[in-house]
N, C-alpha and C. Protein backbone atom coordinates (compact mmCIF):
# COMPACT_ATOMS: atom_id res chain seq x y z
N UNK A 1 0.83 -1.19 0.00
CA UNK A 1 0.00 0.00 0.00
C UNK A 1 0.88 1.25 0.00
N UNK A 2 2.18 1.09 -0.05
CA UNK A 2 3.09 2.23 0.08
C UNK A 2 2.92 3.30 -0.98
N UNK A 3 3.13 2.97 -2.24
CA UNK A 3 3.03 3.97 -3.31
C UNK A 3 1.58 4.40 -3.51
N UNK A 4 0.66 3.46 -3.42
CA UNK A 4 -0.76 3.79 -3.56
C UNK A 4 -1.21 4.70 -2.42
N UNK A 5 -0.77 4.41 -1.20
CA UNK A 5 -1.12 5.25 -0.05
C UNK A 5 -0.53 6.64 -0.15
N UNK A 6 0.70 6.72 -0.62
CA UNK A 6 1.33 8.03 -0.79
C UNK A 6 0.62 8.87 -1.84
N UNK A 7 0.27 8.24 -2.96
CA UNK A 7 -0.45 8.96 -4.01
C UNK A 7 -1.84 9.38 -3.53
N UNK A 8 -2.50 8.50 -2.79
CA UNK A 8 -3.82 8.80 -2.26
C UNK A 8 -3.77 9.98 -1.29
N UNK A 9 -2.82 9.97 -0.37
CA UNK A 9 -2.72 11.07 0.59
C UNK A 9 -2.38 12.38 -0.12
N UNK A 10 -1.50 12.33 -1.10
CA UNK A 10 -1.13 13.53 -1.86
C UNK A 10 -2.35 14.10 -2.57
N UNK A 11 -3.15 13.25 -3.17
CA UNK A 11 -4.36 13.70 -3.88
C UNK A 11 -5.36 14.29 -2.89
N UNK A 12 -5.56 13.61 -1.76
CA UNK A 12 -6.52 14.11 -0.77
C UNK A 12 -6.08 15.45 -0.19
N UNK A 13 -4.80 15.60 0.08
CA UNK A 13 -4.32 16.88 0.62
C UNK A 13 -4.47 17.98 -0.42
N UNK A 14 -4.20 17.67 -1.68
CA UNK A 14 -4.31 18.70 -2.71
C UNK A 14 -5.76 19.08 -2.98
N UNK A 15 -6.70 18.16 -2.79
CA UNK A 15 -8.10 18.45 -3.08
C UNK A 15 -8.81 19.10 -1.89
N UNK A 16 -8.58 18.59 -0.68
CA UNK A 16 -9.37 19.01 0.47
C UNK A 16 -8.72 20.06 1.37
N UNK A 17 -7.50 20.50 1.08
CA UNK A 17 -6.87 21.48 1.95
C UNK A 17 -6.39 22.68 1.15
N UNK A 18 -6.03 23.71 1.88
CA UNK A 18 -5.49 24.91 1.27
C UNK A 18 -3.96 24.94 1.38
N UNK A 19 -3.36 23.82 1.73
CA UNK A 19 -1.91 23.71 1.89
C UNK A 19 -1.22 23.77 0.54
N UNK A 20 -0.06 24.41 0.50
CA UNK A 20 0.74 24.46 -0.72
C UNK A 20 1.37 23.08 -0.93
N UNK A 21 0.74 22.28 -1.77
CA UNK A 21 1.15 20.90 -1.96
C UNK A 21 2.53 20.80 -2.59
N UNK A 22 2.84 21.71 -3.48
CA UNK A 22 4.15 21.68 -4.15
C UNK A 22 5.28 21.89 -3.14
N UNK A 23 5.05 22.72 -2.16
CA UNK A 23 6.07 23.01 -1.15
C UNK A 23 6.28 21.84 -0.19
N UNK A 24 5.20 21.14 0.15
CA UNK A 24 5.27 20.07 1.15
C UNK A 24 5.17 18.68 0.53
N UNK A 25 5.51 18.53 -0.72
CA UNK A 25 5.38 17.25 -1.42
C UNK A 25 6.10 16.12 -0.70
N UNK A 26 7.35 16.31 -0.33
CA UNK A 26 8.14 15.24 0.29
C UNK A 26 7.69 14.98 1.72
N UNK A 27 7.20 16.02 2.39
CA UNK A 27 6.69 15.81 3.75
C UNK A 27 5.41 14.97 3.72
N UNK A 28 4.55 15.23 2.74
CA UNK A 28 3.32 14.45 2.60
C UNK A 28 3.67 12.99 2.28
N UNK A 29 4.65 12.77 1.43
CA UNK A 29 5.12 11.42 1.14
C UNK A 29 5.64 10.75 2.41
N UNK A 30 6.39 11.49 3.23
CA UNK A 30 6.90 10.95 4.48
C UNK A 30 5.79 10.58 5.45
N UNK A 31 4.76 11.40 5.50
CA UNK A 31 3.61 11.11 6.38
C UNK A 31 2.92 9.83 5.92
N UNK A 32 2.72 9.69 4.62
CA UNK A 32 2.04 8.50 4.09
C UNK A 32 2.85 7.24 4.33
N UNK A 33 4.14 7.29 4.05
CA UNK A 33 4.98 6.11 4.25
C UNK A 33 5.15 5.80 5.73
N UNK A 34 5.26 6.83 6.55
CA UNK A 34 5.37 6.63 7.99
C UNK A 34 4.10 6.00 8.56
N UNK A 35 2.95 6.44 8.09
CA UNK A 35 1.69 5.86 8.55
C UNK A 35 1.58 4.39 8.16
N UNK A 36 1.99 4.08 6.94
CA UNK A 36 1.97 2.68 6.50
C UNK A 36 2.92 1.81 7.29
N UNK A 37 4.12 2.32 7.56
CA UNK A 37 5.09 1.56 8.35
C UNK A 37 4.61 1.38 9.79
N UNK A 38 4.03 2.44 10.36
CA UNK A 38 3.49 2.38 11.71
C UNK A 38 2.40 1.31 11.81
N UNK A 39 1.50 1.33 10.85
CA UNK A 39 0.40 0.36 10.86
C UNK A 39 0.91 -1.07 10.68
N UNK A 40 1.83 -1.26 9.75
CA UNK A 40 2.34 -2.59 9.48
C UNK A 40 3.11 -3.15 10.68
N UNK A 41 3.93 -2.31 11.30
CA UNK A 41 4.72 -2.75 12.44
C UNK A 41 3.85 -3.11 13.64
N UNK A 42 2.92 -2.25 13.98
CA UNK A 42 2.07 -2.53 15.14
C UNK A 42 1.09 -3.67 14.88
N UNK A 43 0.63 -3.82 13.65
CA UNK A 43 -0.26 -4.94 13.33
C UNK A 43 0.48 -6.26 13.47
N UNK A 44 1.76 -6.26 13.16
CA UNK A 44 2.56 -7.48 13.29
C UNK A 44 2.75 -7.85 14.77
N UNK A 45 3.03 -6.85 15.60
CA UNK A 45 3.30 -7.11 17.01
C UNK A 45 2.04 -7.19 17.87
N UNK A 46 0.94 -6.61 17.44
CA UNK A 46 -0.30 -6.62 18.21
C UNK A 46 -1.44 -7.15 17.33
N UNK A 47 -1.50 -8.47 17.11
CA UNK A 47 -2.57 -9.01 16.26
C UNK A 47 -3.91 -9.00 17.00
N UNK A 48 -4.96 -8.96 16.24
CA UNK A 48 -6.30 -9.00 16.81
C UNK A 48 -7.14 -7.82 16.35
N UNK A 49 -8.45 -8.01 16.37
CA UNK A 49 -9.37 -6.99 15.87
C UNK A 49 -9.39 -5.76 16.75
N UNK A 50 -9.40 -5.94 18.07
CA UNK A 50 -9.43 -4.79 18.97
C UNK A 50 -8.17 -3.94 18.82
N UNK A 51 -7.02 -4.58 18.70
CA UNK A 51 -5.78 -3.83 18.49
C UNK A 51 -5.79 -3.15 17.14
N UNK A 52 -6.36 -3.79 16.13
CA UNK A 52 -6.41 -3.18 14.80
C UNK A 52 -7.24 -1.90 14.82
N UNK A 53 -8.35 -1.91 15.54
CA UNK A 53 -9.18 -0.71 15.65
C UNK A 53 -8.44 0.40 16.40
N UNK A 54 -7.74 0.03 17.45
CA UNK A 54 -6.97 1.02 18.20
C UNK A 54 -5.83 1.60 17.35
N UNK A 55 -5.18 0.74 16.58
CA UNK A 55 -4.10 1.20 15.70
C UNK A 55 -4.64 2.17 14.65
N UNK A 56 -5.80 1.88 14.07
CA UNK A 56 -6.39 2.79 13.08
C UNK A 56 -6.75 4.13 13.71
N UNK A 57 -7.29 4.11 14.91
CA UNK A 57 -7.63 5.35 15.60
C UNK A 57 -6.38 6.19 15.86
N UNK A 58 -5.33 5.55 16.35
CA UNK A 58 -4.08 6.26 16.61
C UNK A 58 -3.46 6.76 15.30
N UNK A 59 -3.59 5.98 14.25
CA UNK A 59 -3.05 6.37 12.95
C UNK A 59 -3.73 7.63 12.40
N UNK A 60 -5.05 7.71 12.56
CA UNK A 60 -5.77 8.91 12.12
C UNK A 60 -5.27 10.13 12.89
N UNK A 61 -5.10 9.99 14.20
CA UNK A 61 -4.61 11.10 15.02
C UNK A 61 -3.20 11.51 14.61
N UNK A 62 -2.32 10.53 14.39
CA UNK A 62 -0.94 10.86 14.01
C UNK A 62 -0.85 11.51 12.63
N UNK A 63 -1.65 11.04 11.68
CA UNK A 63 -1.66 11.66 10.35
C UNK A 63 -2.14 13.09 10.45
N UNK A 64 -3.21 13.30 11.21
CA UNK A 64 -3.75 14.66 11.36
C UNK A 64 -2.73 15.57 12.04
N UNK A 65 -2.07 15.08 13.10
CA UNK A 65 -1.05 15.90 13.78
C UNK A 65 0.13 16.21 12.86
N UNK A 66 0.54 15.23 12.07
CA UNK A 66 1.65 15.47 11.14
C UNK A 66 1.26 16.49 10.07
N UNK A 67 0.04 16.42 9.58
CA UNK A 67 -0.39 17.39 8.58
C UNK A 67 -0.50 18.79 9.17
N UNK A 68 -0.95 18.89 10.41
CA UNK A 68 -1.10 20.20 11.03
C UNK A 68 0.26 20.80 11.38
N UNK A 69 1.08 20.05 12.10
CA UNK A 69 2.31 20.63 12.62
C UNK A 69 3.51 20.54 11.68
N UNK A 70 3.49 19.61 10.75
CA UNK A 70 4.65 19.46 9.87
C UNK A 70 4.39 20.04 8.49
N UNK A 71 3.13 20.01 8.05
CA UNK A 71 2.79 20.49 6.71
C UNK A 71 1.98 21.78 6.72
N UNK A 72 1.62 22.28 7.88
CA UNK A 72 0.93 23.55 7.97
C UNK A 72 -0.52 23.53 7.51
N UNK A 73 -1.19 22.41 7.63
CA UNK A 73 -2.59 22.29 7.23
C UNK A 73 -3.49 22.75 8.38
N UNK A 74 -4.63 23.29 8.06
CA UNK A 74 -5.61 23.67 9.07
C UNK A 74 -6.12 22.40 9.76
N UNK A 75 -6.36 22.47 11.06
CA UNK A 75 -6.70 21.28 11.85
C UNK A 75 -7.94 20.55 11.33
N UNK A 76 -9.00 21.29 11.04
CA UNK A 76 -10.25 20.66 10.59
C UNK A 76 -10.05 19.95 9.25
N UNK A 77 -9.29 20.56 8.36
CA UNK A 77 -9.01 19.94 7.07
C UNK A 77 -8.11 18.72 7.23
N UNK A 78 -7.16 18.79 8.15
CA UNK A 78 -6.25 17.66 8.37
C UNK A 78 -7.00 16.46 8.92
N UNK A 79 -7.93 16.68 9.84
CA UNK A 79 -8.72 15.57 10.38
C UNK A 79 -9.59 14.95 9.29
N UNK A 80 -10.17 15.78 8.44
CA UNK A 80 -10.99 15.28 7.34
C UNK A 80 -10.14 14.44 6.38
N UNK A 81 -8.97 14.92 6.02
CA UNK A 81 -8.09 14.18 5.11
C UNK A 81 -7.65 12.87 5.75
N UNK A 82 -7.27 12.90 7.02
CA UNK A 82 -6.82 11.68 7.71
C UNK A 82 -7.94 10.65 7.79
N UNK A 83 -9.16 11.09 8.06
CA UNK A 83 -10.29 10.17 8.12
C UNK A 83 -10.62 9.56 6.78
N UNK A 84 -10.65 10.38 5.75
CA UNK A 84 -10.93 9.87 4.40
C UNK A 84 -9.82 8.92 3.95
N UNK A 85 -8.57 9.29 4.23
CA UNK A 85 -7.42 8.46 3.86
C UNK A 85 -7.52 7.08 4.51
N UNK A 86 -7.82 7.05 5.79
CA UNK A 86 -7.92 5.77 6.49
C UNK A 86 -9.13 4.98 6.01
N UNK A 87 -10.24 5.64 5.77
CA UNK A 87 -11.42 4.96 5.27
C UNK A 87 -11.21 4.33 3.90
N UNK A 88 -10.55 5.06 3.02
CA UNK A 88 -10.28 4.52 1.68
C UNK A 88 -9.29 3.36 1.76
N UNK A 89 -8.30 3.47 2.66
CA UNK A 89 -7.35 2.35 2.82
C UNK A 89 -8.05 1.11 3.36
N UNK A 90 -9.00 1.28 4.27
CA UNK A 90 -9.76 0.14 4.78
C UNK A 90 -10.59 -0.47 3.66
N UNK A 91 -11.25 0.36 2.86
CA UNK A 91 -12.06 -0.14 1.75
C UNK A 91 -11.20 -0.88 0.73
N UNK A 92 -10.02 -0.34 0.43
CA UNK A 92 -9.12 -1.02 -0.51
C UNK A 92 -8.65 -2.36 0.05
N UNK A 93 -8.36 -2.39 1.35
CA UNK A 93 -7.95 -3.64 1.98
C UNK A 93 -9.03 -4.70 1.93
N UNK A 94 -10.27 -4.29 2.18
CA UNK A 94 -11.39 -5.23 2.10
C UNK A 94 -11.58 -5.71 0.66
N UNK A 95 -11.51 -4.79 -0.30
CA UNK A 95 -11.69 -5.17 -1.71
C UNK A 95 -10.58 -6.12 -2.16
N UNK A 96 -9.35 -5.84 -1.77
CA UNK A 96 -8.25 -6.74 -2.15
C UNK A 96 -8.44 -8.10 -1.51
N UNK A 97 -8.89 -8.13 -0.25
CA UNK A 97 -9.15 -9.40 0.41
C UNK A 97 -10.24 -10.21 -0.26
N UNK A 98 -11.31 -9.53 -0.66
CA UNK A 98 -12.41 -10.23 -1.34
C UNK A 98 -11.96 -10.75 -2.70
N UNK A 99 -11.27 -9.91 -3.47
CA UNK A 99 -10.83 -10.35 -4.80
C UNK A 99 -9.77 -11.44 -4.73
N UNK A 100 -8.95 -11.44 -3.70
CA UNK A 100 -7.94 -12.50 -3.62
C UNK A 100 -8.56 -13.85 -3.25
N UNK A 101 -9.68 -13.84 -2.55
CA UNK A 101 -10.36 -15.09 -2.22
C UNK A 101 -11.18 -15.62 -3.40
N UNK A 102 -11.67 -14.72 -4.22
CA UNK A 102 -12.48 -15.11 -5.38
C UNK A 102 -11.60 -15.73 -6.45
N UNK A 103 -10.45 -15.12 -6.67
CA UNK A 103 -9.57 -15.55 -7.76
C UNK A 103 -8.75 -16.71 -7.37
């Protein structure tokens, strides 16, 4: 989900925020890759549905904080982008899981 997640976050930030995307391009990439690494690492060490929900909640908060304090995004817009980003990643994960079982 690394390159797809980075492209998705970049698109969401450029569409839903007033942040200068050209200026913060590499920071947005770092936030996306860091979020993916954070999720993958903690999911490996803390398996289970309850932990997965907690990890997603913490991930939304960390993405929003990184967008606000590192990329200069307005707080309300950063929370919206982080929520949509996580929701789309969950939907993609479910779709990939369904298609991999069908095929």
